[in-house]
Amino acid sequence: MRRRLPAAARGAIFRLVPTIAKILAATDFSEDSSLALSYAEDIGRKFGAEIVVMHVDQPLAPVMISPDLGPAMDVGAMSRIAEEQRVIAQRELDKIVQRLRDDGLKARSLLRVGSPFLEILHASQTENADLIVVGTHGRTGLAHVLMGSVAERVVQKAAVPVLTIRHPDRKFQHPLDKPPK
């Protein structure tokens, strides 16, 4: 004989089912982040959620300007390169958003400049995102040990759930393991 839950318990269970109205999907335009975006699309479709496709452009590292480098390496040239990089990124975001809209999803783009994990966290708050979706592949080896991964940091610090997607072709390799021969 099946027992029915008391009304108070049924209400508590019902409240545990998440409502997802806005998904922040971070991309670096790699194959890994494209796979993560496909998960965001599926979830967005199931929940009728808006997808905010976000890219964080990391500022160019400051370089020492030396007269030996010549006029090609001036600050103005570096600024133009950075601006061109942002224009290209915005074009890529626009293509993704248009494809999502063509597929019937509500979507828009967001381009930020700064530290990827900090900007993703900040955007999740300012956008009132209910879910962050991000690919896991990024730094490996020593760079991962020293700086960590963007996905790891987002998971550790985010105030909302984070869905991390690992590409099936990527195998975890501990930084201290010897590479396969």
N, C-alpha and C. Protein backbone atom coordinates (compact mmCIF):
# COMPACT_ATOMS: atom_id res chain seq x y z
N MET A 1 0.84 -1.18 0.00
CA MET A 1 0.00 0.00 0.00
C MET A 1 0.89 1.25 0.00
N ARG A 2 0.62 2.15 -0.93
CA ARG A 2 1.40 3.40 -0.99
C ARG A 2 0.84 4.40 0.01
N ARG A 3 1.77 5.03 0.70
CA ARG A 3 1.35 6.06 1.66
C ARG A 3 1.52 7.42 0.99
N ARG A 4 0.66 8.27 1.28
CA ARG A 4 0.71 9.63 0.77
C ARG A 4 1.43 10.51 1.78
N LEU A 5 2.29 11.40 1.25
CA LEU A 5 2.99 12.34 2.13
C LEU A 5 2.01 13.38 2.66
N PRO A 6 2.23 13.84 3.89
CA PRO A 6 1.40 14.93 4.41
C PRO A 6 1.55 16.17 3.53
N ALA A 7 0.56 17.00 3.51
CA ALA A 7 0.56 18.19 2.65
C ALA A 7 1.78 19.06 2.90
N ALA A 8 2.19 19.24 4.15
CA ALA A 8 3.36 20.07 4.45
C ALA A 8 4.62 19.49 3.82
N ALA A 9 4.76 18.19 3.84
CA ALA A 9 5.94 17.55 3.24
C ALA A 9 5.90 17.66 1.73
N ARG A 10 4.70 17.48 1.15
CA ARG A 10 4.59 17.62 -0.31
C ARG A 10 4.99 19.03 -0.75
N GLY A 11 4.61 20.03 0.01
CA GLY A 11 4.98 21.41 -0.32
C GLY A 11 6.48 21.63 -0.22
N ALA A 12 7.10 21.01 0.79
CA ALA A 12 8.55 21.15 0.96
C ALA A 12 9.28 20.52 -0.20
N ILE A 13 8.83 19.37 -0.64
CA ILE A 13 9.47 18.70 -1.78
C ILE A 13 9.29 19.54 -3.03
N PHE A 14 8.12 20.09 -3.23
CA PHE A 14 7.87 20.90 -4.41
C PHE A 14 8.82 22.10 -4.46
N ARG A 15 9.10 22.70 -3.30
CA ARG A 15 9.98 23.86 -3.27
C ARG A 15 11.43 23.51 -3.60
N LEU A 16 11.80 22.23 -3.50
CA LEU A 16 13.16 21.83 -3.81
C LEU A 16 13.43 21.80 -5.31
N VAL A 17 12.39 21.73 -6.12
CA VAL A 17 12.57 21.72 -7.57
C VAL A 17 12.99 23.12 -8.00
N PRO A 18 14.16 23.23 -8.63
CA PRO A 18 14.66 24.57 -8.98
C PRO A 18 13.87 25.21 -10.12
N THR A 19 13.84 26.51 -10.05
CA THR A 19 13.30 27.30 -11.16
C THR A 19 14.49 27.99 -11.80
N ILE A 20 14.65 27.76 -13.08
CA ILE A 20 15.78 28.36 -13.78
C ILE A 20 15.22 29.29 -14.85
N ALA A 21 15.38 30.58 -14.60
CA ALA A 21 14.88 31.57 -15.54
C ALA A 21 16.01 32.19 -16.36
N LYS A 22 17.23 32.17 -15.81
CA LYS A 22 18.36 32.77 -16.52
C LYS A 22 19.61 31.94 -16.31
N ILE A 23 20.26 31.62 -17.43
CA ILE A 23 21.49 30.82 -17.42
C ILE A 23 22.63 31.68 -17.94
N LEU A 24 23.71 31.71 -17.19
CA LEU A 24 24.92 32.39 -17.64
C LEU A 24 25.85 31.31 -18.20
N ALA A 25 26.09 31.36 -19.50
CA ALA A 25 26.93 30.36 -20.16
C ALA A 25 28.22 31.04 -20.60
N ALA A 26 29.31 30.69 -19.93
CA ALA A 26 30.61 31.30 -20.23
C ALA A 26 31.26 30.56 -21.40
N THR A 27 31.89 31.31 -22.29
CA THR A 27 32.56 30.70 -23.43
C THR A 27 33.90 31.37 -23.69
N ASP A 28 34.86 30.54 -24.13
CA ASP A 28 36.12 31.08 -24.64
C ASP A 28 36.25 30.71 -26.11
N PHE A 29 35.13 30.27 -26.70
CA PHE A 29 35.01 29.91 -28.12
C PHE A 29 35.74 28.62 -28.46
N SER A 30 36.13 27.85 -27.46
CA SER A 30 36.80 26.57 -27.71
C SER A 30 35.75 25.48 -27.92
N GLU A 31 36.22 24.33 -28.36
CA GLU A 31 35.34 23.17 -28.54
C GLU A 31 34.73 22.78 -27.19
N ASP A 32 35.52 22.89 -26.14
CA ASP A 32 35.04 22.54 -24.80
C ASP A 32 33.90 23.44 -24.35
N SER A 33 34.04 24.73 -24.58
CA SER A 33 32.97 25.63 -24.15
C SER A 33 31.76 25.53 -25.07
N SER A 34 31.95 25.11 -26.32
CA SER A 34 30.81 24.87 -27.22
C SER A 34 29.98 23.70 -26.71
N LEU A 35 30.65 22.67 -26.20
CA LEU A 35 29.94 21.54 -25.62
C LEU A 35 29.15 21.99 -24.39
N ALA A 36 29.78 22.79 -23.55
CA ALA A 36 29.09 23.31 -22.36
C ALA A 36 27.88 24.15 -22.77
N LEU A 37 28.03 24.93 -23.82
CA LEU A 37 26.92 25.75 -24.31
C LEU A 37 25.75 24.89 -24.77
N SER A 38 26.05 23.73 -25.35
CA SER A 38 24.96 22.85 -25.79
C SER A 38 24.14 22.37 -24.58
N TYR A 39 24.79 22.14 -23.44
CA TYR A 39 24.06 21.79 -22.23
C TYR A 39 23.19 22.97 -21.78
N ALA A 40 23.75 24.17 -21.84
CA ALA A 40 22.98 25.36 -21.46
C ALA A 40 21.75 25.50 -22.37
N GLU A 41 21.92 25.20 -23.65
CA GLU A 41 20.78 25.26 -24.59
C GLU A 41 19.69 24.28 -24.18
N ASP A 42 20.08 23.04 -23.90
CA ASP A 42 19.10 22.02 -23.51
C ASP A 42 18.34 22.43 -22.25
N ILE A 43 19.08 22.91 -21.27
CA ILE A 43 18.45 23.34 -20.01
C ILE A 43 17.56 24.56 -20.27
N GLY A 44 18.07 25.50 -21.06
CA GLY A 44 17.28 26.68 -21.39
C GLY A 44 15.98 26.34 -22.07
N ARG A 45 16.03 25.38 -22.97
CA ARG A 45 14.83 24.94 -23.69
C ARG A 45 13.84 24.28 -22.71
N LYS A 46 14.33 23.43 -21.83
CA LYS A 46 13.46 22.72 -20.88
C LYS A 46 12.78 23.66 -19.89
N PHE A 47 13.50 24.69 -19.47
CA PHE A 47 12.97 25.61 -18.46
C PHE A 47 12.41 26.90 -19.06
N GLY A 48 12.57 27.10 -20.36
CA GLY A 48 12.15 28.36 -20.97
C GLY A 48 13.01 29.52 -20.47
N ALA A 49 14.26 29.23 -20.18
CA ALA A 49 15.16 30.22 -19.58
C ALA A 49 15.87 31.06 -20.64
N GLU A 50 16.22 32.26 -20.26
CA GLU A 50 17.08 33.11 -21.08
C GLU A 50 18.52 32.65 -20.90
N ILE A 51 19.27 32.65 -22.00
CA ILE A 51 20.67 32.30 -21.94
C ILE A 51 21.51 33.54 -22.21
N VAL A 52 22.35 33.87 -21.26
CA VAL A 52 23.28 34.99 -21.42
C VAL A 52 24.63 34.35 -21.76
N VAL A 53 25.07 34.53 -23.01
CA VAL A 53 26.33 33.95 -23.45
C VAL A 53 27.42 34.97 -23.17
N MET A 54 28.35 34.59 -22.32
CA MET A 54 29.36 35.53 -21.84
C MET A 54 30.76 35.12 -22.26
N HIS A 55 31.54 36.12 -22.68
CA HIS A 55 32.96 35.92 -22.94
C HIS A 55 33.73 36.97 -22.16
N VAL A 56 34.82 36.54 -21.54
CA VAL A 56 35.67 37.48 -20.80
C VAL A 56 36.97 37.61 -21.57
N ASP A 57 37.24 38.82 -22.01
CA ASP A 57 38.48 39.12 -22.72
C ASP A 57 39.51 39.53 -21.67
N GLN A 58 40.58 38.79 -21.62
CA GLN A 58 41.63 39.11 -20.66
C GLN A 58 42.48 40.24 -21.23
N PRO A 59 42.73 41.26 -20.44
CA PRO A 59 43.55 42.36 -20.93
C PRO A 59 44.96 41.86 -21.28
N LEU A 60 45.54 42.49 -22.28
CA LEU A 60 46.90 42.14 -22.67
C LEU A 60 47.85 42.45 -21.52
N ALA A 61 48.77 41.56 -21.30
CA ALA A 61 49.74 41.77 -20.23
C ALA A 61 50.60 42.98 -20.54
N PRO A 62 50.86 43.81 -19.54
CA PRO A 62 51.71 44.96 -19.79
C PRO A 62 53.12 44.50 -20.15
N VAL A 63 53.70 45.19 -21.10
CA VAL A 63 55.06 44.85 -21.53
C VAL A 63 55.96 46.06 -21.35
N MET A 64 57.19 45.78 -21.17
CA MET A 64 58.16 46.88 -21.08
C MET A 64 58.42 47.39 -22.50
N ILE A 65 58.25 48.65 -22.70
CA ILE A 65 58.50 49.23 -24.01
C ILE A 65 59.96 49.65 -24.06
N SER A 66 60.64 49.15 -25.04
CA SER A 66 62.06 49.45 -25.21
C SER A 66 62.26 50.14 -26.55
N PRO A 67 63.13 51.13 -26.60
CA PRO A 67 63.40 51.79 -27.88
C PRO A 67 63.94 50.81 -28.93
N ASP A 68 64.54 49.70 -28.46
CA ASP A 68 65.07 48.71 -29.39
C ASP A 68 63.97 47.99 -30.16
N LEU A 69 62.75 47.96 -29.60
CA LEU A 69 61.66 47.26 -30.26
C LEU A 69 61.10 48.06 -31.45
N GLY A 70 61.38 49.30 -31.48
CA GLY A 70 60.92 50.13 -32.59
C GLY A 70 59.51 50.64 -32.37
N PRO A 71 59.01 51.42 -33.35
CA PRO A 71 57.70 52.07 -33.20
C PRO A 71 56.52 51.10 -33.27
N ALA A 72 56.73 49.87 -33.73
CA ALA A 72 55.62 48.93 -33.86
C ALA A 72 55.07 48.47 -32.51
N MET A 73 55.87 48.57 -31.46
CA MET A 73 55.44 48.09 -30.16
C MET A 73 55.08 49.23 -29.21
N ASP A 74 54.41 50.23 -29.70
CA ASP A 74 54.03 51.32 -28.81
C ASP A 74 52.70 51.03 -28.13
N VAL A 75 52.35 51.84 -27.17
CA VAL A 75 51.14 51.65 -26.39
C VAL A 75 49.90 51.74 -27.28
N GLY A 76 49.94 52.62 -28.25
CA GLY A 76 48.81 52.76 -29.18
C GLY A 76 48.58 51.48 -29.96
N ALA A 77 49.65 50.84 -30.39
CA ALA A 77 49.52 49.58 -31.13
C ALA A 77 48.92 48.51 -30.23
N MET A 78 49.35 48.45 -28.98
CA MET A 78 48.81 47.47 -28.05
C MET A 78 47.31 47.71 -27.81
N SER A 79 46.92 48.96 -27.71
CA SER A 79 45.51 49.29 -27.51
C SER A 79 44.68 48.88 -28.73
N ARG A 80 45.21 49.11 -29.92
CA ARG A 80 44.50 48.72 -31.14
C ARG A 80 44.34 47.21 -31.22
N ILE A 81 45.38 46.48 -30.85
CA ILE A 81 45.31 45.01 -30.86
C ILE A 81 44.23 44.54 -29.88
N ALA A 82 44.21 45.13 -28.69
CA ALA A 82 43.21 44.75 -27.68
C ALA A 82 41.81 45.05 -28.18
N GLU A 83 41.63 46.19 -28.81
CA GLU A 83 40.31 46.56 -29.32
C GLU A 83 39.88 45.63 -30.45
N GLU A 84 40.79 45.28 -31.34
CA GLU A 84 40.48 44.33 -32.41
C GLU A 84 40.08 42.99 -31.83
N GLN A 85 40.77 42.56 -30.79
CA GLN A 85 40.46 41.30 -30.12
C GLN A 85 39.04 41.34 -29.57
N ARG A 86 38.63 42.45 -28.99
CA ARG A 86 37.27 42.58 -28.45
C ARG A 86 36.22 42.61 -29.56
N VAL A 87 36.52 43.26 -30.66
CA VAL A 87 35.58 43.30 -31.79
C VAL A 87 35.36 41.89 -32.33
N ILE A 88 36.44 41.12 -32.47
CA ILE A 88 36.33 39.74 -32.95
C ILE A 88 35.51 38.90 -31.97
N ALA A 89 35.76 39.07 -30.69
CA ALA A 89 35.02 38.33 -29.67
C ALA A 89 33.53 38.68 -29.72
N GLN A 90 33.21 39.96 -29.88
CA GLN A 90 31.80 40.37 -29.95
C GLN A 90 31.13 39.78 -31.17
N ARG A 91 31.84 39.71 -32.30
CA ARG A 91 31.28 39.09 -33.51
C ARG A 91 30.96 37.62 -33.26
N GLU A 92 31.88 36.92 -32.59
CA GLU A 92 31.65 35.50 -32.28
C GLU A 92 30.45 35.34 -31.35
N LEU A 93 30.36 36.20 -30.34
CA LEU A 93 29.20 36.15 -29.44
C LEU A 93 27.91 36.39 -30.21
N ASP A 94 27.92 37.38 -31.10
CA ASP A 94 26.72 37.69 -31.89
C ASP A 94 26.29 36.51 -32.74
N LYS A 95 27.25 35.78 -33.32
CA LYS A 95 26.92 34.58 -34.12
C LYS A 95 26.24 33.52 -33.26
N ILE A 96 26.80 33.29 -32.07
CA ILE A 96 26.23 32.30 -31.16
C ILE A 96 24.82 32.69 -30.76
N VAL A 97 24.65 33.94 -30.36
CA VAL A 97 23.34 34.42 -29.92
C VAL A 97 22.33 34.34 -31.05
N GLN A 98 22.72 34.69 -32.26
CA GLN A 98 21.79 34.62 -33.39
C GLN A 98 21.37 33.18 -33.64
N ARG A 99 22.31 32.24 -33.54
CA ARG A 99 21.98 30.83 -33.74
C ARG A 99 20.98 30.36 -32.68
N LEU A 100 21.20 30.77 -31.42
CA LEU A 100 20.29 30.40 -30.35
C LEU A 100 18.90 30.98 -30.59
N ARG A 101 18.85 32.23 -31.01
CA ARG A 101 17.56 32.87 -31.30
C ARG A 101 16.86 32.18 -32.47
N ASP A 102 17.64 31.82 -33.49
CA ASP A 102 17.07 31.11 -34.63
C ASP A 102 16.48 29.77 -34.21
N ASP A 103 17.04 29.18 -33.15
CA ASP A 103 16.53 27.92 -32.60
C ASP A 103 15.39 28.13 -31.61
N GLY A 104 14.93 29.37 -31.48
CA GLY A 104 13.77 29.66 -30.64
C GLY A 104 14.06 29.96 -29.19
N LEU A 105 15.33 30.16 -28.86
CA LEU A 105 15.70 30.45 -27.47
C LEU A 105 15.84 31.96 -27.26
N LYS A 106 15.57 32.38 -26.04
CA LYS A 106 15.81 33.76 -25.68
C LYS A 106 17.28 33.86 -25.28
N ALA A 107 18.04 34.71 -25.97
CA ALA A 107 19.48 34.78 -25.71
C ALA A 107 20.01 36.18 -25.97
N ARG A 108 21.10 36.48 -25.28
CA ARG A 108 21.81 37.73 -25.53
C ARG A 108 23.27 37.54 -25.13
N SER A 109 24.11 38.47 -25.55
CA SER A 109 25.54 38.34 -25.29
C SER A 109 26.00 39.31 -24.21
N LEU A 110 27.13 38.96 -23.63
CA LEU A 110 27.75 39.81 -22.62
C LEU A 110 29.26 39.67 -22.78
N LEU A 111 29.93 40.78 -23.05
CA LEU A 111 31.38 40.79 -23.19
C LEU A 111 31.95 41.63 -22.07
N ARG A 112 32.86 41.03 -21.33
CA ARG A 112 33.52 41.74 -20.24
C ARG A 112 35.03 41.65 -20.42
N VAL A 113 35.74 42.55 -19.79
CA VAL A 113 37.20 42.55 -19.82
C VAL A 113 37.70 42.41 -18.39
N GLY A 114 38.61 41.46 -18.17
CA GLY A 114 39.15 41.28 -16.83
C GLY A 114 39.55 39.85 -16.57
N SER A 115 39.55 39.49 -15.31
CA SER A 115 39.88 38.13 -14.88
C SER A 115 38.64 37.26 -15.12
N PRO A 116 38.76 36.18 -15.90
CA PRO A 116 37.57 35.39 -16.24
C PRO A 116 36.74 34.94 -15.03
N PHE A 117 37.36 34.36 -14.03
CA PHE A 117 36.52 33.85 -12.94
C PHE A 117 35.85 34.98 -12.16
N LEU A 118 36.54 36.09 -11.96
CA LEU A 118 35.93 37.22 -11.26
C LEU A 118 34.77 37.83 -12.06
N GLU A 119 34.97 37.97 -13.35
CA GLU A 119 33.92 38.56 -14.20
C GLU A 119 32.71 37.64 -14.30
N ILE A 120 32.95 36.33 -14.35
CA ILE A 120 31.82 35.38 -14.38
C ILE A 120 31.02 35.49 -13.08
N LEU A 121 31.71 35.53 -11.95
CA LEU A 121 31.03 35.66 -10.66
C LEU A 121 30.26 36.97 -10.57
N HIS A 122 30.89 38.04 -10.99
CA HIS A 122 30.23 39.35 -10.94
C HIS A 122 29.00 39.36 -11.85
N ALA A 123 29.13 38.83 -13.05
CA ALA A 123 28.00 38.81 -13.99
C ALA A 123 26.86 37.94 -13.46
N SER A 124 27.20 36.84 -12.79
CA SER A 124 26.13 35.99 -12.26
C SER A 124 25.29 36.75 -11.24
N GLN A 125 25.94 37.65 -10.51
CA GLN A 125 25.20 38.45 -9.53
C GLN A 125 24.41 39.58 -10.20
N THR A 126 25.08 40.34 -11.07
CA THR A 126 24.39 41.48 -11.69
C THR A 126 23.29 41.04 -12.65
N GLU A 127 23.44 39.87 -13.23
CA GLU A 127 22.43 39.35 -14.15
C GLU A 127 21.35 38.54 -13.44
N ASN A 128 21.53 38.31 -12.14
CA ASN A 128 20.61 37.46 -11.37
C ASN A 128 20.45 36.08 -12.01
N ALA A 129 21.58 35.49 -12.38
CA ALA A 129 21.57 34.17 -13.00
C ALA A 129 21.15 33.11 -11.98
N ASP A 130 20.42 32.13 -12.46
CA ASP A 130 20.00 31.01 -11.61
C ASP A 130 20.97 29.84 -11.74
N LEU A 131 21.78 29.85 -12.81
CA LEU A 131 22.71 28.76 -13.08
C LEU A 131 23.86 29.30 -13.92
N ILE A 132 25.06 28.83 -13.62
CA ILE A 132 26.24 29.13 -14.44
C ILE A 132 26.65 27.83 -15.11
N VAL A 133 26.90 27.89 -16.42
CA VAL A 133 27.38 26.72 -17.16
C VAL A 133 28.74 27.07 -17.74
N VAL A 134 29.72 26.19 -17.49
CA VAL A 134 31.08 26.47 -17.94
C VAL A 134 31.79 25.15 -18.27
N GLY A 135 32.63 25.18 -19.29
CA GLY A 135 33.46 24.02 -19.61
C GLY A 135 34.62 23.93 -18.64
N THR A 136 35.15 22.73 -18.45
CA THR A 136 36.20 22.57 -17.46
C THR A 136 37.61 22.62 -18.02
N HIS A 137 37.77 22.44 -19.31
CA HIS A 137 39.13 22.36 -19.84
C HIS A 137 39.74 23.74 -19.94
N GLY A 138 40.95 23.85 -19.53
CA GLY A 138 41.65 25.14 -19.57
C GLY A 138 43.11 24.90 -19.34
N ARG A 139 43.60 25.48 -18.27
CA ARG A 139 45.03 25.31 -17.96
C ARG A 139 45.33 23.87 -17.54
N THR A 140 46.53 23.46 -17.86
CA THR A 140 46.97 22.13 -17.44
C THR A 140 48.36 22.24 -16.83
N GLY A 141 48.80 21.16 -16.23
CA GLY A 141 50.17 21.09 -15.72
C GLY A 141 50.47 22.15 -14.69
N LEU A 142 51.64 22.76 -14.83
CA LEU A 142 52.12 23.73 -13.85
C LEU A 142 51.22 24.97 -13.79
N ALA A 143 50.72 25.42 -14.94
CA ALA A 143 49.84 26.60 -14.93
C ALA A 143 48.60 26.32 -14.09
N HIS A 144 48.07 25.09 -14.16
CA HIS A 144 46.90 24.74 -13.36
C HIS A 144 47.24 24.72 -11.87
N VAL A 145 48.40 24.18 -11.54
CA VAL A 145 48.83 24.12 -10.14
C VAL A 145 48.99 25.53 -9.58
N LEU A 146 49.61 26.42 -10.35
CA LEU A 146 49.89 27.76 -9.85
C LEU A 146 48.66 28.67 -9.84
N MET A 147 47.82 28.56 -10.85
CA MET A 147 46.70 29.50 -10.98
C MET A 147 45.33 28.86 -10.82
N GLY A 148 45.23 27.54 -10.89
CA GLY A 148 43.94 26.89 -10.80
C GLY A 148 43.16 27.06 -12.09
N SER A 149 41.99 26.48 -12.14
CA SER A 149 41.18 26.62 -13.34
C SER A 149 40.06 27.61 -13.07
N VAL A 150 39.59 28.21 -14.13
CA VAL A 150 38.48 29.16 -14.03
C VAL A 150 37.26 28.42 -13.47
N ALA A 151 36.96 27.25 -14.02
CA ALA A 151 35.79 26.50 -13.57
C ALA A 151 35.88 26.18 -12.08
N GLU A 152 37.05 25.73 -11.64
CA GLU A 152 37.24 25.42 -10.21
C GLU A 152 36.93 26.62 -9.33
N ARG A 153 37.48 27.75 -9.70
CA ARG A 153 37.29 28.95 -8.89
C ARG A 153 35.84 29.39 -8.89
N VAL A 154 35.18 29.28 -10.05
CA VAL A 154 33.77 29.65 -10.12
C VAL A 154 32.95 28.74 -9.21
N VAL A 155 33.21 27.43 -9.27
CA VAL A 155 32.49 26.48 -8.41
C VAL A 155 32.69 26.83 -6.94
N GLN A 156 33.92 27.16 -6.56
CA GLN A 156 34.22 27.45 -5.16
C GLN A 156 33.54 28.71 -4.65
N LYS A 157 33.38 29.71 -5.51
CA LYS A 157 32.94 31.02 -5.04
C LYS A 157 31.53 31.43 -5.46
N ALA A 158 30.92 30.73 -6.40
CA ALA A 158 29.61 31.16 -6.91
C ALA A 158 28.52 31.03 -5.87
N ALA A 159 27.58 31.96 -5.92
CA ALA A 159 26.45 31.95 -5.01
C ALA A 159 25.28 31.15 -5.60
N VAL A 160 25.40 30.71 -6.84
CA VAL A 160 24.36 29.93 -7.50
C VAL A 160 24.96 28.61 -7.99
N PRO A 161 24.13 27.65 -8.33
CA PRO A 161 24.66 26.38 -8.83
C PRO A 161 25.49 26.57 -10.10
N VAL A 162 26.53 25.74 -10.22
CA VAL A 162 27.42 25.78 -11.38
C VAL A 162 27.44 24.39 -12.01
N LEU A 163 27.15 24.33 -13.29
CA LEU A 163 27.23 23.09 -14.03
C LEU A 163 28.53 23.11 -14.82
N THR A 164 29.43 22.19 -14.51
CA THR A 164 30.70 22.13 -15.23
C THR A 164 30.63 20.94 -16.20
N ILE A 165 31.12 21.18 -17.40
CA ILE A 165 31.07 20.17 -18.45
C ILE A 165 32.48 19.86 -18.92
N ARG A 166 32.83 18.58 -18.80
CA ARG A 166 34.13 18.13 -19.28
C ARG A 166 33.93 17.45 -20.61
N HIS A 167 34.71 17.83 -21.60
CA HIS A 167 34.64 17.22 -22.92
C HIS A 167 35.02 15.74 -22.76
N PRO A 168 34.28 14.82 -23.38
CA PRO A 168 34.57 13.39 -23.19
C PRO A 168 35.95 12.96 -23.70
N ASP A 169 36.54 13.73 -24.60
CA ASP A 169 37.86 13.39 -25.11
C ASP A 169 38.99 13.85 -24.21
N ARG A 170 38.68 14.65 -23.20
CA ARG A 170 39.70 15.17 -22.30
C ARG A 170 39.84 14.25 -21.11
N LYS A 171 41.02 13.80 -20.88
CA LYS A 171 41.28 12.93 -19.75
C LYS A 171 41.99 13.73 -18.66
N PHE A 172 41.61 13.47 -17.42
CA PHE A 172 42.27 14.16 -16.31
C PHE A 172 43.69 13.63 -16.18
N GLN A 173 44.62 14.54 -16.08
CA GLN A 173 46.02 14.16 -15.82
C GLN A 173 46.50 14.99 -14.65
N HIS A 174 46.87 14.32 -13.60
CA HIS A 174 47.38 15.01 -12.42
C HIS A 174 48.69 15.70 -12.81
N PRO A 175 48.89 16.93 -12.34
CA PRO A 175 50.11 17.66 -12.72
C PRO A 175 51.41 16.95 -12.37
N LEU A 176 51.39 16.08 -11.36
CA LEU A 176 52.61 15.38 -10.97
C LEU A 176 52.80 14.04 -11.68
N ASP A 177 51.76 13.61 -12.42
CA ASP A 177 51.88 12.36 -13.19
C ASP A 177 52.80 12.57 -14.38
N LYS A 178 53.49 11.50 -14.76
CA LYS A 178 54.33 11.55 -15.96
C LYS A 178 53.44 11.44 -17.17
N PRO A 179 53.72 12.24 -18.22
CA PRO A 179 52.90 12.15 -19.43
C PRO A 179 53.03 10.78 -20.07
N PRO A 180 51.94 10.31 -20.72
CA PRO A 180 52.01 9.00 -21.38
C PRO A 180 52.98 9.04 -22.54
N LYS A 181 53.65 7.90 -22.77
CA LYS A 181 54.62 7.82 -23.88
C LYS A 181 53.99 7.26 -25.11
